[in-house]
Amino acid sequence: MITSILRLQFKDGVNEAEIQRVLSIIERTAKAESVAFYSIGRYFGDPQEGFTHAYCVGIPDLTALDRYFREPAHREGDFQFIPLLAKLSQMTVLDDPDPDMLVKIAACRNAAVDPEWMALFDRIGKTDQA
């Protein structure tokens, strides 16, 4: 299982209605057939870090991950909500003992995500990424 956890910090001035729209956009992507489970909502970590919401998604394997990245709703949704973020933190949890799994995940992402989509993430503050 590939479990990805995203923590979200919204830009100043993003209102509650916009935040709810973002959560709906993310949920639309999370309902893809390739997703085994997901949870999205408020984040209760250290308030000094600034993260207010989080998204956790479980994807069974690399084949499903490739489908998840290639979901049209995934790319479309990212372009709708990423511009509203001040900071994004991403973590990966794996139950697969393969020591090369992170390399395989990165290769899967790089094969599916076009340069414009990848550049979208370079415009926001990122913390931990694995």
N, C-alpha and C. Protein backbone atom coordinates (compact mmCIF):
# COMPACT_ATOMS: atom_id res chain seq x y z
N MET A 1 0.85 -1.18 0.00
CA MET A 1 0.00 0.00 0.00
C MET A 1 0.89 1.24 0.00
N ILE A 2 0.58 2.17 -0.85
CA ILE A 2 1.25 3.46 -0.91
C ILE A 2 0.30 4.46 -0.26
N THR A 3 0.71 5.00 0.86
CA THR A 3 -0.12 5.98 1.56
C THR A 3 0.58 7.33 1.50
N SER A 4 -0.13 8.31 0.97
CA SER A 4 0.40 9.66 0.85
C SER A 4 -0.39 10.57 1.77
N ILE A 5 0.32 11.39 2.51
CA ILE A 5 -0.31 12.34 3.43
C ILE A 5 0.12 13.74 3.02
N LEU A 6 -0.84 14.57 2.69
CA LEU A 6 -0.58 15.96 2.33
C LEU A 6 -1.14 16.87 3.41
N ARG A 7 -0.32 17.80 3.87
CA ARG A 7 -0.79 18.83 4.80
C ARG A 7 -0.85 20.14 4.02
N LEU A 8 -1.92 20.89 4.22
CA LEU A 8 -2.18 22.09 3.43
C LEU A 8 -2.20 23.34 4.30
N GLN A 9 -1.52 24.37 3.83
CA GLN A 9 -1.63 25.70 4.44
C GLN A 9 -2.12 26.63 3.35
N PHE A 10 -3.24 27.26 3.58
CA PHE A 10 -3.82 28.16 2.59
C PHE A 10 -3.19 29.54 2.68
N LYS A 11 -3.19 30.25 1.56
CA LYS A 11 -2.70 31.62 1.53
C LYS A 11 -3.61 32.50 2.38
N ASP A 12 -3.03 33.57 2.90
CA ASP A 12 -3.84 34.56 3.61
C ASP A 12 -4.93 35.06 2.68
N GLY A 13 -6.12 35.23 3.21
CA GLY A 13 -7.22 35.75 2.42
C GLY A 13 -8.11 34.69 1.78
N VAL A 14 -7.67 33.42 1.82
CA VAL A 14 -8.53 32.35 1.30
C VAL A 14 -9.64 32.12 2.32
N ASN A 15 -10.89 32.28 1.88
CA ASN A 15 -12.01 32.20 2.82
C ASN A 15 -12.52 30.76 2.98
N GLU A 16 -13.43 30.58 3.91
CA GLU A 16 -13.95 29.25 4.23
C GLU A 16 -14.66 28.61 3.05
N ALA A 17 -15.38 29.40 2.26
CA ALA A 17 -16.06 28.84 1.08
C ALA A 17 -15.05 28.30 0.08
N GLU A 18 -13.94 29.02 -0.10
CA GLU A 18 -12.89 28.54 -1.01
C GLU A 18 -12.23 27.28 -0.47
N ILE A 19 -12.02 27.23 0.83
CA ILE A 19 -11.44 26.03 1.44
C ILE A 19 -12.36 24.84 1.23
N GLN A 20 -13.64 25.02 1.42
CA GLN A 20 -14.59 23.92 1.22
C GLN A 20 -14.60 23.47 -0.24
N ARG A 21 -14.45 24.42 -1.16
CA ARG A 21 -14.38 24.07 -2.59
C ARG A 21 -13.13 23.23 -2.86
N VAL A 22 -12.00 23.63 -2.25
CA VAL A 22 -10.75 22.87 -2.41
C VAL A 22 -10.94 21.44 -1.90
N LEU A 23 -11.54 21.29 -0.73
CA LEU A 23 -11.75 19.95 -0.18
C LEU A 23 -12.63 19.11 -1.10
N SER A 24 -13.62 19.73 -1.72
CA SER A 24 -14.48 19.02 -2.68
C SER A 24 -13.70 18.59 -3.92
N ILE A 25 -12.82 19.47 -4.38
CA ILE A 25 -11.99 19.15 -5.55
C ILE A 25 -11.09 17.96 -5.24
N ILE A 26 -10.45 17.99 -4.07
CA ILE A 26 -9.57 16.88 -3.68
C ILE A 26 -10.38 15.60 -3.52
N GLU A 27 -11.55 15.70 -2.94
CA GLU A 27 -12.38 14.51 -2.75
C GLU A 27 -12.79 13.90 -4.09
N ARG A 28 -13.05 14.75 -5.07
CA ARG A 28 -13.39 14.23 -6.41
C ARG A 28 -12.25 13.36 -6.95
N THR A 29 -11.02 13.82 -6.78
CA THR A 29 -9.86 13.03 -7.21
C THR A 29 -9.76 11.75 -6.38
N ALA A 30 -10.01 11.86 -5.08
CA ALA A 30 -9.89 10.71 -4.18
C ALA A 30 -10.90 9.61 -4.47
N LYS A 31 -11.96 9.94 -5.16
CA LYS A 31 -12.97 8.93 -5.48
C LYS A 31 -12.63 8.13 -6.74
N ALA A 32 -11.43 8.31 -7.25
CA ALA A 32 -10.98 7.55 -8.41
C ALA A 32 -10.95 6.06 -8.08
N GLU A 33 -11.17 5.25 -9.08
CA GLU A 33 -11.18 3.79 -8.91
C GLU A 33 -9.86 3.26 -8.36
N SER A 34 -8.77 3.96 -8.64
CA SER A 34 -7.44 3.51 -8.21
C SER A 34 -7.19 3.70 -6.72
N VAL A 35 -8.05 4.42 -6.03
CA VAL A 35 -7.86 4.74 -4.61
C VAL A 35 -8.53 3.69 -3.74
N ALA A 36 -7.77 3.15 -2.78
CA ALA A 36 -8.31 2.16 -1.84
C ALA A 36 -9.04 2.83 -0.68
N PHE A 37 -8.50 3.95 -0.19
CA PHE A 37 -9.14 4.69 0.89
C PHE A 37 -8.62 6.12 0.88
N TYR A 38 -9.38 6.99 1.52
CA TYR A 38 -8.92 8.37 1.69
C TYR A 38 -9.60 9.00 2.89
N SER A 39 -8.99 10.05 3.38
CA SER A 39 -9.58 10.87 4.43
C SER A 39 -9.12 12.30 4.17
N ILE A 40 -10.03 13.24 4.31
CA ILE A 40 -9.69 14.64 4.10
C ILE A 40 -10.43 15.49 5.13
N GLY A 41 -9.74 16.47 5.68
CA GLY A 41 -10.40 17.33 6.65
C GLY A 41 -9.42 18.22 7.39
N ARG A 42 -9.85 18.69 8.54
CA ARG A 42 -9.02 19.59 9.33
C ARG A 42 -7.82 18.84 9.90
N TYR A 43 -6.72 19.57 10.04
CA TYR A 43 -5.48 19.02 10.57
C TYR A 43 -5.25 19.61 11.96
N PHE A 44 -4.88 18.76 12.91
CA PHE A 44 -4.72 19.19 14.29
C PHE A 44 -3.29 19.05 14.79
N GLY A 45 -2.31 19.29 13.93
CA GLY A 45 -0.91 19.24 14.34
C GLY A 45 -0.49 20.54 15.00
N ASP A 46 0.79 20.77 15.05
CA ASP A 46 1.36 21.97 15.66
C ASP A 46 0.86 23.22 14.93
N PRO A 47 0.09 24.08 15.60
CA PRO A 47 -0.46 25.26 14.93
C PRO A 47 0.62 26.21 14.42
N GLN A 48 1.81 26.18 15.02
CA GLN A 48 2.88 27.06 14.57
C GLN A 48 3.37 26.70 13.17
N GLU A 49 3.13 25.47 12.74
CA GLU A 49 3.52 25.08 11.38
C GLU A 49 2.61 25.70 10.33
N GLY A 50 1.39 26.07 10.72
CA GLY A 50 0.48 26.76 9.81
C GLY A 50 -0.44 25.88 9.00
N PHE A 51 -0.31 24.57 9.10
CA PHE A 51 -1.18 23.68 8.33
C PHE A 51 -2.55 23.58 9.00
N THR A 52 -3.60 23.68 8.20
CA THR A 52 -4.95 23.66 8.75
C THR A 52 -5.77 22.46 8.26
N HIS A 53 -5.38 21.87 7.15
CA HIS A 53 -6.13 20.75 6.57
C HIS A 53 -5.16 19.69 6.06
N ALA A 54 -5.66 18.47 5.91
CA ALA A 54 -4.81 17.38 5.43
C ALA A 54 -5.63 16.41 4.59
N TYR A 55 -4.89 15.69 3.76
CA TYR A 55 -5.48 14.68 2.86
C TYR A 55 -4.60 13.45 2.95
N CYS A 56 -5.20 12.33 3.24
CA CYS A 56 -4.50 11.05 3.29
C CYS A 56 -5.15 10.15 2.24
N VAL A 57 -4.33 9.54 1.39
CA VAL A 57 -4.86 8.67 0.34
C VAL A 57 -4.04 7.38 0.31
N GLY A 58 -4.74 6.26 0.19
CA GLY A 58 -4.10 4.95 0.09
C GLY A 58 -4.30 4.39 -1.30
N ILE A 59 -3.20 4.01 -1.93
CA ILE A 59 -3.23 3.47 -3.28
C ILE A 59 -2.52 2.11 -3.24
N PRO A 60 -3.19 1.06 -3.73
CA PRO A 60 -2.70 -0.30 -3.53
C PRO A 60 -1.31 -0.62 -4.06
N ASP A 61 -0.96 -0.09 -5.24
CA ASP A 61 0.31 -0.49 -5.86
C ASP A 61 0.69 0.50 -6.95
N LEU A 62 1.82 0.24 -7.61
CA LEU A 62 2.31 1.16 -8.64
C LEU A 62 1.39 1.25 -9.85
N THR A 63 0.73 0.17 -10.20
CA THR A 63 -0.20 0.20 -11.33
C THR A 63 -1.36 1.14 -11.01
N ALA A 64 -1.90 1.03 -9.81
CA ALA A 64 -2.98 1.93 -9.39
C ALA A 64 -2.48 3.36 -9.28
N LEU A 65 -1.24 3.54 -8.82
CA LEU A 65 -0.67 4.88 -8.70
C LEU A 65 -0.57 5.54 -10.07
N ASP A 66 -0.16 4.78 -11.07
CA ASP A 66 -0.08 5.32 -12.43
C ASP A 66 -1.47 5.78 -12.89
N ARG A 67 -2.49 4.97 -12.63
CA ARG A 67 -3.86 5.36 -13.00
C ARG A 67 -4.29 6.61 -12.24
N TYR A 68 -3.94 6.69 -10.96
CA TYR A 68 -4.30 7.84 -10.13
C TYR A 68 -3.69 9.13 -10.69
N PHE A 69 -2.40 9.07 -11.04
CA PHE A 69 -1.75 10.24 -11.63
C PHE A 69 -2.38 10.64 -12.96
N ARG A 70 -2.84 9.67 -13.71
CA ARG A 70 -3.38 9.94 -15.06
C ARG A 70 -4.87 10.27 -15.07
N GLU A 71 -5.51 10.24 -13.92
CA GLU A 71 -6.93 10.64 -13.82
C GLU A 71 -7.05 12.09 -14.27
N PRO A 72 -7.87 12.39 -15.28
CA PRO A 72 -8.03 13.79 -15.70
C PRO A 72 -8.44 14.71 -14.54
N ALA A 73 -9.26 14.21 -13.64
CA ALA A 73 -9.70 15.03 -12.50
C ALA A 73 -8.54 15.39 -11.58
N HIS A 74 -7.50 14.57 -11.55
CA HIS A 74 -6.35 14.83 -10.68
C HIS A 74 -5.61 16.08 -11.15
N ARG A 75 -5.22 16.08 -12.42
CA ARG A 75 -4.50 17.23 -12.98
C ARG A 75 -5.37 18.48 -12.93
N GLU A 76 -6.60 18.35 -13.39
CA GLU A 76 -7.52 19.49 -13.42
C GLU A 76 -7.72 20.07 -12.02
N GLY A 77 -7.92 19.20 -11.05
CA GLY A 77 -8.13 19.66 -9.68
C GLY A 77 -6.92 20.36 -9.10
N ASP A 78 -5.73 19.82 -9.36
CA ASP A 78 -4.51 20.46 -8.84
C ASP A 78 -4.38 21.89 -9.35
N PHE A 79 -4.69 22.11 -10.63
CA PHE A 79 -4.59 23.45 -11.19
C PHE A 79 -5.65 24.39 -10.59
N GLN A 80 -6.71 23.85 -10.07
CA GLN A 80 -7.74 24.68 -9.44
C GLN A 80 -7.39 25.07 -8.01
N PHE A 81 -6.76 24.15 -7.27
CA PHE A 81 -6.56 24.48 -5.85
C PHE A 81 -5.13 24.78 -5.43
N ILE A 82 -4.13 24.27 -6.12
CA ILE A 82 -2.74 24.52 -5.72
C ILE A 82 -2.43 26.02 -5.65
N PRO A 83 -2.95 26.85 -6.57
CA PRO A 83 -2.67 28.29 -6.47
C PRO A 83 -3.19 28.94 -5.18
N LEU A 84 -4.08 28.29 -4.46
CA LEU A 84 -4.61 28.84 -3.21
C LEU A 84 -3.76 28.46 -2.00
N LEU A 85 -2.73 27.64 -2.20
CA LEU A 85 -1.90 27.17 -1.08
C LEU A 85 -0.67 28.04 -0.88
N ALA A 86 -0.36 28.28 0.38
CA ALA A 86 0.88 28.95 0.74
C ALA A 86 2.00 27.93 0.93
N LYS A 87 1.61 26.74 1.42
CA LYS A 87 2.61 25.71 1.72
C LYS A 87 1.95 24.34 1.65
N LEU A 88 2.73 23.36 1.23
CA LEU A 88 2.27 21.98 1.11
C LEU A 88 3.35 21.07 1.67
N SER A 89 2.95 20.14 2.50
CA SER A 89 3.86 19.14 3.05
C SER A 89 3.37 17.77 2.61
N GLN A 90 4.26 16.96 2.06
CA GLN A 90 3.89 15.63 1.57
C GLN A 90 4.75 14.58 2.24
N MET A 91 4.12 13.52 2.70
CA MET A 91 4.82 12.38 3.30
C MET A 91 4.30 11.10 2.66
N THR A 92 5.15 10.11 2.57
CA THR A 92 4.75 8.82 2.03
C THR A 92 5.01 7.74 3.07
N VAL A 93 4.04 6.86 3.24
CA VAL A 93 4.16 5.71 4.14
C VAL A 93 3.98 4.47 3.27
N LEU A 94 4.92 3.53 3.37
CA LEU A 94 4.89 2.32 2.54
C LEU A 94 4.90 1.07 3.40
N ASP A 95 4.13 0.08 2.99
CA ASP A 95 4.22 -1.22 3.66
C ASP A 95 4.99 -2.21 2.79
N ASP A 96 5.49 -1.74 1.67
CA ASP A 96 6.26 -2.57 0.74
C ASP A 96 7.72 -2.57 1.17
N PRO A 97 8.35 -3.73 1.35
CA PRO A 97 9.73 -3.79 1.81
C PRO A 97 10.77 -3.46 0.73
N ASP A 98 10.34 -3.27 -0.51
CA ASP A 98 11.25 -2.98 -1.62
C ASP A 98 12.03 -1.69 -1.32
N PRO A 99 13.37 -1.76 -1.20
CA PRO A 99 14.16 -0.57 -0.88
C PRO A 99 14.15 0.47 -2.00
N ASP A 100 13.74 0.08 -3.19
CA ASP A 100 13.70 1.00 -4.32
C ASP A 100 12.31 1.57 -4.59
N MET A 101 11.40 1.35 -3.67
CA MET A 101 10.02 1.75 -3.92
C MET A 101 9.86 3.26 -4.13
N LEU A 102 10.56 4.08 -3.36
CA LEU A 102 10.45 5.53 -3.56
C LEU A 102 10.95 5.94 -4.94
N VAL A 103 12.00 5.30 -5.42
CA VAL A 103 12.51 5.57 -6.76
C VAL A 103 11.46 5.18 -7.80
N LYS A 104 10.81 4.06 -7.60
CA LYS A 104 9.77 3.60 -8.52
C LYS A 104 8.56 4.54 -8.50
N ILE A 105 8.21 5.04 -7.33
CA ILE A 105 7.10 6.00 -7.23
C ILE A 105 7.45 7.28 -7.98
N ALA A 106 8.68 7.77 -7.79
CA ALA A 106 9.11 8.99 -8.49
C ALA A 106 9.09 8.78 -10.00
N ALA A 107 9.53 7.62 -10.46
CA ALA A 107 9.52 7.33 -11.90
C ALA A 107 8.09 7.28 -12.43
N CYS A 108 7.20 6.71 -11.66
CA CYS A 108 5.78 6.65 -12.04
C CYS A 108 5.22 8.06 -12.16
N ARG A 109 5.50 8.90 -11.16
CA ARG A 109 5.03 10.29 -11.18
C ARG A 109 5.62 11.04 -12.37
N ASN A 110 6.91 10.89 -12.59
CA ASN A 110 7.58 11.62 -13.68
C ASN A 110 7.06 11.20 -15.05
N ALA A 111 6.65 9.95 -15.18
CA ALA A 111 6.11 9.47 -16.46
C ALA A 111 4.70 10.00 -16.71
N ALA A 112 3.96 10.27 -15.65
CA ALA A 112 2.55 10.66 -15.79
C ALA A 112 2.32 12.16 -15.72
N VAL A 113 3.20 12.88 -15.05
CA VAL A 113 2.98 14.30 -14.78
C VAL A 113 3.78 15.14 -15.78
N ASP A 114 3.08 15.98 -16.52
CA ASP A 114 3.74 16.81 -17.53
C ASP A 114 4.48 17.98 -16.87
N PRO A 115 5.40 18.63 -17.61
CA PRO A 115 6.21 19.71 -17.03
C PRO A 115 5.39 20.87 -16.46
N GLU A 116 4.29 21.23 -17.12
CA GLU A 116 3.46 22.33 -16.62
C GLU A 116 2.86 21.97 -15.26
N TRP A 117 2.42 20.74 -15.13
CA TRP A 117 1.84 20.26 -13.87
C TRP A 117 2.92 20.23 -12.78
N MET A 118 4.10 19.73 -13.12
CA MET A 118 5.20 19.66 -12.15
C MET A 118 5.59 21.07 -11.69
N ALA A 119 5.61 22.03 -12.63
CA ALA A 119 5.98 23.41 -12.30
C ALA A 119 4.99 24.06 -11.34
N LEU A 120 3.76 23.62 -11.38
CA LEU A 120 2.73 24.14 -10.48
C LEU A 120 3.17 23.99 -9.02
N PHE A 121 3.78 22.86 -8.71
CA PHE A 121 4.22 22.60 -7.33
C PHE A 121 5.44 23.43 -6.95
N ASP A 122 6.23 23.82 -7.95
CA ASP A 122 7.42 24.63 -7.67
C ASP A 122 7.06 26.05 -7.25
N ARG A 123 5.81 26.46 -7.49
CA ARG A 123 5.37 27.82 -7.17
C ARG A 123 4.93 27.97 -5.72
N ILE A 124 4.81 26.87 -5.00
CA ILE A 124 4.38 26.98 -3.60
C ILE A 124 5.49 26.50 -2.69
N GLY A 125 5.40 26.90 -1.43
CA GLY A 125 6.38 26.44 -0.45
C GLY A 125 6.13 24.97 -0.15
N LYS A 126 7.19 24.17 -0.24
CA LYS A 126 7.06 22.73 0.06
C LYS A 126 7.97 22.41 1.24
N THR A 127 7.51 21.50 2.05
CA THR A 127 8.36 20.98 3.11
C THR A 127 8.54 19.50 2.81
N ASP A 128 8.82 18.71 3.81
CA ASP A 128 9.13 17.28 3.63
C ASP A 128 8.50 16.69 2.39
N GLN A 129 9.31 15.99 1.63
CA GLN A 129 8.76 15.29 0.48
C GLN A 129 9.49 13.97 0.34
N ALA A 130 8.73 12.90 0.45
CA ALA A 130 9.31 11.56 0.29
C ALA A 130 8.33 10.71 -0.46
